């Protein structure tokens, strides 16, 4: 599947807007970023939480750089057969990375069916 960067970014924003309010209301000092690929150039990684989970924070406050949730465009496009598949994968990636922000690890995500 092919999609330019601007269209993909809009799709990510649209999917973010569809997430339940209770999932996103407590996100603090987090930015969402779309990049083409991970630094290693692979197509295996769909997203990344770059930050310190709430459960691992001690003192956190003013002057802290924001945590980042990165959604990788090319890996998503490589896995999706159509826009419906793409939207589903982006949604799942957003939920997965937001869960990491809240301190939910991959084992817990597997148990919940989100990894």
Protein backbone atom coordinates (compact mmCIF):
# COMPACT_ATOMS: atom_id res chain seq x y z
CA UNK A 1 0.00 0.00 0.00
CA UNK A 2 1.19 3.54 -0.72
CA UNK A 3 0.33 6.82 1.00
CA UNK A 4 2.22 10.09 1.16
CA UNK A 5 3.47 11.43 4.49
CA UNK A 6 0.86 14.20 4.84
CA UNK A 7 -2.07 11.84 4.20
CA UNK A 8 -0.66 9.27 6.62
CA UNK A 9 -0.16 11.91 9.30
CA UNK A 10 -3.79 13.01 8.89
CA UNK A 11 -4.90 9.38 9.25
CA UNK A 12 -2.89 9.09 12.49
CA UNK A 13 -4.49 12.29 13.85
CA UNK A 14 -7.93 11.00 12.87
CA UNK A 15 -7.31 7.69 14.68
CA UNK A 16 -5.97 9.54 17.71
CA UNK A 17 -9.16 11.62 17.80
CA UNK A 18 -11.22 8.40 17.82
CA UNK A 19 -9.57 7.03 20.97
CA UNK A 20 -11.72 7.12 24.11
CA UNK A 21 -11.32 10.28 26.17
CA UNK A 22 -10.39 8.29 29.27
CA UNK A 23 -7.41 6.85 27.38
CA UNK A 24 -5.93 10.20 26.36
CA UNK A 25 -7.09 12.67 29.02
CA UNK A 26 -4.17 11.94 31.37
CA UNK A 27 -1.45 12.11 28.74
CA UNK A 28 0.82 14.84 30.03
CA UNK A 29 3.81 16.32 28.23
CA UNK A 30 3.58 13.83 25.33
CA UNK A 31 3.90 14.59 21.64
CA UNK A 32 2.87 12.33 18.79
CA UNK A 33 5.32 12.14 15.90
CA UNK A 34 5.13 10.44 12.51
CA UNK A 35 8.40 9.26 10.99
CA UNK A 36 9.02 7.21 7.87
CA UNK A 37 11.06 4.41 9.49
CA UNK A 38 12.90 3.55 12.69
CA UNK A 39 16.57 4.59 12.84
CA UNK A 40 17.71 1.08 11.91
CA UNK A 41 15.67 1.28 8.68
CA UNK A 42 13.65 -1.85 9.44
CA UNK A 43 10.02 -2.39 8.60
CA UNK A 44 9.37 -4.48 11.72
CA UNK A 45 8.69 -1.73 14.25
CA UNK A 46 5.34 0.07 13.92
CA UNK A 47 5.70 2.49 16.81
CA UNK A 48 7.80 3.52 19.75
CA UNK A 49 7.24 5.14 23.12
CA UNK A 50 10.27 7.32 23.83
CA UNK A 51 10.05 8.49 27.42
CA UNK A 52 9.74 7.51 31.03
CA UNK A 53 6.53 5.68 31.97
CA UNK A 54 4.37 7.19 34.69
CA UNK A 55 5.08 4.21 36.92
CA UNK A 56 8.83 4.91 36.75
CA UNK A 57 8.76 8.64 37.39
CA UNK A 58 9.90 10.19 40.60
CA UNK A 59 10.10 13.96 40.36
CA UNK A 60 8.75 15.17 37.05
CA UNK A 61 7.81 18.68 36.22
CA UNK A 62 8.67 21.96 34.63
CA UNK A 63 11.40 22.00 32.04
CA UNK A 64 11.17 18.32 31.12
CA UNK A 65 11.33 17.51 27.44
CA UNK A 66 8.12 15.88 26.28
CA UNK A 67 7.86 12.14 25.90
CA UNK A 68 7.30 11.04 22.32
CA UNK A 69 5.03 8.48 20.77
CA UNK A 70 6.37 7.75 17.31
CA UNK A 71 4.28 6.11 14.59
CA UNK A 72 6.30 4.77 11.66
CA UNK A 73 4.66 5.26 8.26
CA UNK A 74 6.51 2.81 6.00
CA UNK A 75 6.23 -0.24 8.28
CA UNK A 76 2.48 0.37 8.59
CA UNK A 77 2.09 0.70 4.84
CA UNK A 78 4.14 -2.47 4.28
CA UNK A 79 1.77 -4.47 6.50
CA UNK A 80 -1.57 -3.06 5.37
CA UNK A 81 -3.51 -4.37 2.39
CA UNK A 82 -5.98 -1.49 2.33
CA UNK A 83 -6.98 1.63 4.26
CA UNK A 84 -9.18 -0.30 6.67
CA UNK A 85 -6.23 -2.53 7.63
CA UNK A 86 -4.03 0.54 7.92
CA UNK A 87 -6.46 2.32 10.23
CA UNK A 88 -6.73 -0.79 12.41
CA UNK A 89 -2.94 -1.13 12.69
CA UNK A 90 -2.47 2.58 13.45
CA UNK A 91 -5.19 2.38 16.12
CA UNK A 92 -3.54 -0.66 17.69
CA UNK A 93 -0.12 1.02 17.59
CA UNK A 94 -1.47 4.16 19.28
CA UNK A 95 -3.12 2.13 22.05
CA UNK A 96 0.05 0.05 22.48
CA UNK A 97 2.35 3.06 22.80
CA UNK A 98 -0.04 4.99 25.05
CA UNK A 99 -0.15 1.91 27.28
CA UNK A 100 3.65 2.11 27.61
CA UNK A 101 3.27 5.73 28.76
CA UNK A 102 1.03 4.46 31.58
CA UNK A 103 3.55 1.75 32.49
CA UNK A 104 1.82 -1.24 30.92
CA UNK A 105 4.55 -3.54 29.60
CA UNK A 106 4.52 -5.87 26.59
CA UNK A 107 3.64 -8.94 28.68
CA UNK A 108 0.54 -7.19 30.04
CA UNK A 109 -0.32 -5.97 26.54
CA UNK A 110 -0.12 -9.56 25.26
CA UNK A 111 -2.45 -10.69 28.03
CA UNK A 112 -4.88 -7.92 27.06
CA UNK A 113 -4.61 -8.80 23.35
CA UNK A 114 -2.95 -5.49 22.32
CA UNK A 115 0.49 -6.82 21.36
